[in-house]
Amino acid sequence: MKKKINIWSFISSLICILLFVIVTFSGPIDYSIMGTHPLNLVLYITLITLVLGVLGFSGIQDWKGMARSIATVIITLGLSTFLTIVIFLGGLLS
């Protein structure tokens, strides 16, 4: 079970990057449909993936699992930091 968390958190981190690129390069979106800004949703998903990535450290069995876990944490931590800064500065400018 722990190994599956490790693998799925890595896949989720890649999906978070893909979602970030899609939201960033899409045109204007009607926010009233979702109720919140799409970057906020990507940030929430990224934070959940970060928690799962940290939990995935317990399922490490070999060097590949360690590399997956470290990559997951680095990707999600970097993306969540970047999204937090963008959302904060965007809120200041609006």
Protein backbone atom coordinates (compact mmCIF):
# COMPACT_ATOMS: atom_id res chain seq x y z
CA MET A 1 0.00 0.00 0.00
CA LYS A 2 2.78 2.43 0.87
CA LYS A 3 4.52 1.74 -2.44
CA LYS A 4 1.32 2.62 -4.28
CA ILE A 5 1.14 5.94 -2.44
CA ASN A 6 4.70 6.62 -3.56
CA ILE A 7 3.93 5.88 -7.21
CA TRP A 8 0.59 7.70 -7.30
CA SER A 9 1.95 10.78 -5.59
CA PHE A 10 4.67 10.98 -8.25
CA ILE A 11 2.08 10.67 -11.00
CA SER A 12 -0.05 13.31 -9.26
CA SER A 13 2.90 15.70 -9.13
CA LEU A 14 3.30 15.39 -12.89
CA ILE A 15 -0.44 15.96 -13.32
CA CYS A 16 -0.16 19.10 -11.15
CA ILE A 17 2.47 20.49 -13.49
CA LEU A 18 0.25 19.69 -16.46
CA LEU A 19 -2.74 21.38 -14.80
CA PHE A 20 -0.63 24.44 -14.04
CA VAL A 21 0.44 24.71 -17.68
CA ILE A 22 -3.15 24.26 -18.90
CA VAL A 23 -4.53 26.90 -16.53
CA THR A 24 -1.70 29.33 -17.27
CA PHE A 25 -1.96 29.14 -21.04
CA SER A 26 -5.75 29.00 -21.27
CA GLY A 27 -7.74 32.09 -22.07
CA PRO A 28 -10.02 33.95 -19.71
CA ILE A 29 -12.11 31.57 -17.66
CA ASP A 30 -15.47 32.33 -16.09
CA TYR A 31 -14.68 31.82 -12.40
CA SER A 32 -18.32 31.82 -11.31
CA ILE A 33 -18.72 28.26 -12.62
CA MET A 34 -16.08 26.83 -10.27
CA GLY A 35 -16.49 29.29 -7.42
CA THR A 36 -12.74 29.85 -7.03
CA HIS A 37 -9.78 30.75 -9.17
CA PRO A 38 -8.31 27.76 -11.07
CA LEU A 39 -4.82 28.47 -9.71
CA ASN A 40 -6.22 28.06 -6.20
CA LEU A 41 -7.54 24.64 -7.17
CA VAL A 42 -4.15 23.66 -8.60
CA LEU A 43 -2.52 24.87 -5.36
CA TYR A 44 -4.87 22.73 -3.24
CA ILE A 45 -4.23 19.66 -5.39
CA THR A 46 -0.48 20.32 -5.20
CA LEU A 47 -0.56 20.57 -1.41
CA ILE A 48 -2.47 17.29 -1.15
CA THR A 49 0.10 15.69 -3.44
CA LEU A 50 2.90 17.08 -1.26
CA VAL A 51 1.39 15.42 1.81
CA LEU A 52 1.02 12.14 -0.09
CA GLY A 53 4.62 12.47 -1.29
CA VAL A 54 5.86 12.83 2.27
CA LEU A 55 3.75 9.81 3.28
CA GLY A 56 5.28 7.95 0.34
CA PHE A 57 8.69 8.08 2.00
CA SER A 58 7.53 5.24 4.24
CA GLY A 59 7.07 2.95 1.23
CA ILE A 60 10.63 3.18 -0.05
CA GLN A 61 12.12 -0.21 -0.91
CA ASP A 62 14.92 0.65 -3.35
CA TRP A 63 16.77 3.56 -4.89
CA LYS A 64 14.03 4.11 -7.51
CA GLY A 65 11.46 4.65 -4.80
CA MET A 66 13.77 7.09 -3.05
CA ALA A 67 14.31 9.02 -6.29
CA ARG A 68 10.55 9.10 -6.92
CA SER A 69 9.83 10.40 -3.43
CA ILE A 70 12.51 13.07 -3.55
CA ALA A 71 11.39 14.18 -7.02
CA THR A 72 7.77 14.33 -5.87
CA VAL A 73 8.58 16.47 -2.85
CA ILE A 74 10.85 18.80 -4.82
CA ILE A 75 8.34 19.24 -7.66
CA THR A 76 5.34 19.82 -5.42
CA LEU A 77 7.19 22.04 -2.96
CA GLY A 78 8.52 24.20 -5.78
CA LEU A 79 5.16 24.41 -7.54
CA SER A 80 3.24 25.18 -4.36
CA THR A 81 5.73 27.91 -3.42
CA PHE A 82 5.50 29.44 -6.88
CA LEU A 83 1.69 29.26 -6.90
CA THR A 84 1.49 30.83 -3.44
CA ILE A 85 3.65 33.75 -4.55
CA VAL A 86 1.67 34.22 -7.78
CA ILE A 87 -1.70 34.08 -6.01
CA PHE A 88 -0.52 36.44 -3.24
CA LEU A 89 0.95 39.01 -5.63
CA GLY A 90 -2.06 38.68 -7.93
CA GLY A 91 -4.35 39.42 -5.00
CA LEU A 92 -2.32 42.51 -4.17
CA LEU A 93 -2.55 43.81 -7.72
CA SER A 94 -6.30 43.31 -8.16
